[in-house]
Protein backbone atom coordinates (compact mmCIF):
# COMPACT_ATOMS: atom_id res chain seq x y z
CA MET A 1 -32.73 17.55 6.79
CA SER A 2 -29.62 18.78 4.96
CA ASN A 3 -27.72 18.51 8.44
CA GLU A 4 -28.38 14.77 8.43
CA LYS A 5 -27.06 14.46 4.89
CA GLY A 6 -23.88 16.32 5.85
CA SER A 7 -23.31 14.02 8.81
CA GLY A 8 -23.64 11.03 6.76
CA GLU A 9 -21.25 12.37 4.21
CA LEU A 10 -18.65 13.24 6.92
CA ALA A 11 -19.04 9.79 8.37
CA SER A 12 -18.38 8.23 5.01
CA VAL A 13 -15.10 10.46 4.52
CA ILE A 14 -13.95 9.47 7.95
CA LEU A 15 -14.58 5.76 7.27
CA LEU A 16 -12.67 6.00 4.05
CA ALA A 17 -9.82 7.82 5.57
CA ILE A 18 -9.48 5.01 8.29
CA ILE A 19 -9.65 2.27 5.56
CA LEU A 20 -7.02 4.00 3.45
CA GLY A 21 -4.82 4.66 6.59
CA PHE A 22 -5.10 0.91 7.54
CA CYS A 23 -4.04 -0.09 4.04
CA CYS A 24 -1.00 2.04 4.04
CA LEU A 25 -0.09 1.01 7.55
CA LYS A 26 -0.34 -2.65 6.38
CA GLY A 27 1.86 -2.07 3.53
CA ILE A 28 4.46 -0.37 5.59
CA VAL A 29 4.52 -2.99 8.39
CA LYS A 30 4.57 -5.79 5.89
CA GLN A 31 7.56 -4.36 4.02
CA ASN A 32 9.53 -3.30 6.87
CA TRP A 33 9.21 -5.55 9.89
CA ASN A 34 10.07 -9.00 10.63
CA GLU A 35 13.43 -8.88 8.56
CA HIS A 36 15.59 -11.80 8.77
CA THR A 37 18.21 -13.64 6.65
CA LYS A 38 17.76 -17.24 5.81
CA VAL A 39 19.23 -19.74 3.39
CA ILE A 40 16.53 -21.39 1.20
CA THR A 41 16.57 -24.39 -1.30
CA VAL A 42 14.44 -23.69 -4.29
CA ASN A 43 12.10 -26.60 -5.31
CA LYS A 44 10.18 -24.73 -7.83
CA PHE A 45 9.40 -21.16 -8.98
CA GLU A 46 6.53 -19.75 -11.23
CA ARG A 47 5.11 -16.51 -12.36
CA THR A 48 1.41 -16.33 -12.05
CA GLY A 49 -1.44 -13.81 -12.95
CA GLY A 50 -0.73 -12.35 -16.41
CA ASP A 51 -0.39 -8.51 -16.43
CA SER A 52 -0.48 -8.16 -12.68
CA SER A 53 1.86 -11.02 -12.26
CA LYS A 54 3.09 -12.44 -9.09
CA TYR A 55 6.41 -14.20 -8.78
CA LEU A 56 6.30 -17.32 -6.42
CA VAL A 57 9.16 -19.21 -5.04
CA PHE A 58 8.52 -22.66 -3.62
CA THR A 59 11.16 -24.01 -1.16
CA THR A 60 11.66 -26.93 1.27
CA ASP A 61 9.83 -24.86 3.98
CA GLU A 62 7.37 -22.51 2.65
CA VAL A 63 6.29 -20.34 -0.42
CA TYR A 64 7.77 -16.84 -0.84
CA THR A 65 7.05 -13.97 -3.27
CA VAL A 66 9.65 -11.70 -5.02
CA LYS A 67 8.09 -8.28 -5.47
CA ASP A 68 9.14 -4.65 -5.41
CA ALA A 69 9.05 -2.99 -2.00
CA PHE A 70 8.15 0.68 -2.29
CA TRP A 71 8.99 1.64 1.37
CA ARG A 72 12.36 -0.13 1.10
CA GLY A 73 13.37 1.51 -2.17
CA SER A 74 13.54 -1.94 -3.83
CA TRP A 75 12.51 -1.81 -7.54
CA ASN A 76 14.46 -4.75 -9.03
CA ALA A 77 11.90 -7.75 -8.41
CA SER A 78 12.26 -9.10 -12.05
CA ASP A 79 16.05 -9.06 -11.76
CA ARG A 80 15.97 -10.95 -8.44
CA TYR A 81 13.52 -13.51 -9.73
CA GLY A 82 15.53 -13.83 -12.88
CA LYS A 83 18.54 -15.28 -10.87
CA ILE A 84 16.59 -17.93 -9.23
CA GLU A 85 17.15 -21.56 -10.53
CA LYS A 86 15.56 -24.89 -9.30
CA GLY A 87 17.67 -26.99 -6.87
CA LYS A 88 20.09 -24.20 -5.92
CA GLN A 89 20.45 -22.57 -2.46
CA TYR A 90 20.22 -18.98 -1.88
CA LYS A 91 20.80 -16.68 1.19
CA CYS A 92 18.06 -14.29 1.28
CA THR A 93 16.83 -11.25 3.20
CA ILE A 94 13.17 -11.83 3.93
CA VAL A 95 10.48 -9.35 5.17
CA GLY A 96 6.79 -9.61 5.99
CA TRP A 97 4.56 -12.55 7.13
CA ARG A 98 2.67 -15.26 5.51
CA TRP A 99 -1.10 -14.36 5.76
CA GLY A 100 -3.10 -17.21 4.32
CA PHE A 101 -6.55 -15.40 4.45
CA THR A 102 -5.17 -12.52 2.16
CA SER A 103 -2.99 -14.87 0.04
CA SER A 104 0.08 -12.67 1.21
CA TYR A 105 3.67 -14.08 1.20
CA LYS A 106 6.89 -13.19 2.77
CA ASN A 107 9.00 -11.23 0.28
CA LEU A 108 12.58 -12.15 -0.74
CA LEU A 109 14.20 -8.68 -0.77
CA THR A 110 17.71 -9.89 -1.54
CA VAL A 111 18.65 -13.28 -3.40
CA GLU A 112 22.48 -14.39 -3.41
CA GLU A 113 23.30 -17.84 -4.58
CA VAL A 114 25.26 -19.87 -1.99
CA LYS A 115 28.23 -21.49 -3.69
CA LYS A 116 28.81 -25.16 -2.72
CA SER A 117 32.34 -25.89 -1.29
CA GLU A 118 34.30 -28.32 -3.40
């Protein structure tokens, strides 16, 4: 009887390890792969969610987020978000994918204003 209980506990630990491994792998993949540079035009931006806030940037093409990226050593999301102004263009380094079913957005890792030529 105790052998069956031990097998169930072992199976639970293995399942938990697999779930945690998947979550860590998802975070690494999302923050490191699919890196590209793009010029975006900001239509609107907003902070949502209270204490666990999310910075969203709405553009002519899609919605992005601005957040810290642990695996990239990027800890300045609030500073990046604070630079953004409606109607301006920015050259951005972007990572990740838009996964609608998890409400995940591509992350703006760098945000540099594009100065218009006069």
